[in-house]
């Protein structure tokens, strides 16, 4: 549910932030959103029996934290 809530603002931020090359940026965001929709449930099914629900959610949080950290670093370079 919350991954779906995050997707719409992510697309609107990209279209607001990029004045040039808006199409490729939106394409990358769309690819990332669809990959997240595929990979997170698979990872959740495999992690819940191993580390239980609490640590599965924490692992998802760490993945998102690392991804956002990379995005912020790349954004600072530009």
Protein backbone atom coordinates (compact mmCIF):
# COMPACT_ATOMS: atom_id res chain seq x y z
CA UNK A 1 0.00 0.00 0.00
CA UNK A 2 2.69 2.48 0.98
CA UNK A 3 4.89 1.64 -2.01
CA UNK A 4 1.92 2.59 -4.18
CA UNK A 5 1.52 5.84 -2.25
CA UNK A 6 5.20 6.68 -2.80
CA UNK A 7 5.06 6.05 -6.57
CA UNK A 8 2.86 9.00 -7.58
CA UNK A 9 4.92 11.68 -5.76
CA UNK A 10 8.11 10.18 -7.18
CA UNK A 11 6.85 10.65 -10.73
CA UNK A 12 5.63 14.18 -10.04
CA UNK A 13 8.95 15.16 -8.44
CA UNK A 14 10.84 13.92 -11.50
CA UNK A 15 8.66 15.88 -13.88
CA UNK A 16 9.07 18.97 -11.69
CA UNK A 17 12.86 18.63 -11.26
CA UNK A 18 13.93 17.87 -14.82
CA UNK A 19 13.51 20.52 -17.47
CA UNK A 20 15.74 18.73 -19.97
CA UNK A 21 15.67 14.99 -20.68
CA UNK A 22 12.37 14.58 -18.84
CA UNK A 23 11.40 11.52 -20.90
CA UNK A 24 14.42 9.37 -19.97
CA UNK A 25 14.12 10.41 -16.33
CA UNK A 26 10.45 9.38 -16.21
CA UNK A 27 11.36 6.12 -17.95
CA UNK A 28 13.96 5.32 -15.30
CA UNK A 29 11.50 6.08 -12.50
CA UNK A 30 8.86 3.88 -14.13
CA UNK A 31 11.31 1.01 -14.51
CA UNK A 32 12.33 1.38 -10.86
CA UNK A 33 8.72 1.40 -9.70
CA UNK A 34 7.89 -1.76 -11.64
CA UNK A 35 11.02 -3.52 -10.42
CA UNK A 36 10.13 -2.58 -6.85
CA UNK A 37 6.67 -4.05 -7.37
CA UNK A 38 8.22 -7.32 -8.54
CA UNK A 39 11.25 -7.64 -6.25
CA UNK A 40 9.82 -6.57 -2.88
CA UNK A 41 7.13 -9.29 -2.73
CA UNK A 42 9.65 -11.96 -3.77
CA UNK A 43 12.13 -10.73 -1.17
CA UNK A 44 9.36 -10.58 1.43
CA UNK A 45 8.29 -14.17 0.77
CA UNK A 46 11.87 -15.35 1.19
CA UNK A 47 12.79 -13.16 4.17
CA UNK A 48 9.73 -13.60 6.41
CA UNK A 49 10.40 -17.31 7.12
CA UNK A 50 14.10 -16.56 7.76
CA UNK A 51 14.09 -13.37 9.84
CA UNK A 52 10.40 -12.78 10.62
CA UNK A 53 8.24 -9.78 9.75
CA UNK A 54 9.98 -7.06 11.79
CA UNK A 55 13.40 -7.62 10.24
CA UNK A 56 11.89 -8.01 6.77
CA UNK A 57 10.41 -4.53 7.05
CA UNK A 58 13.73 -3.22 8.37
CA UNK A 59 15.56 -4.76 5.40
CA UNK A 60 13.10 -3.05 3.05
CA UNK A 61 13.76 0.21 4.87
CA UNK A 62 17.52 -0.24 4.50
CA UNK A 63 17.11 -0.94 0.78
CA UNK A 64 15.05 2.23 0.32
CA UNK A 65 17.52 4.21 2.47
CA UNK A 66 20.47 3.09 0.35
CA UNK A 67 18.62 3.84 -2.89
CA UNK A 68 17.62 7.32 -1.69
CA UNK A 69 21.17 7.96 -0.50
CA UNK A 70 22.53 7.13 -3.95
CA UNK A 71 19.94 9.38 -5.57
CA UNK A 72 20.83 12.25 -3.24
CA UNK A 73 24.55 11.84 -3.92
CA UNK A 74 24.03 11.78 -7.67
CA UNK A 75 21.74 14.82 -7.42
CA UNK A 76 24.44 16.76 -5.53
CA UNK A 77 27.01 16.00 -8.23
CA UNK A 78 24.81 17.45 -10.95
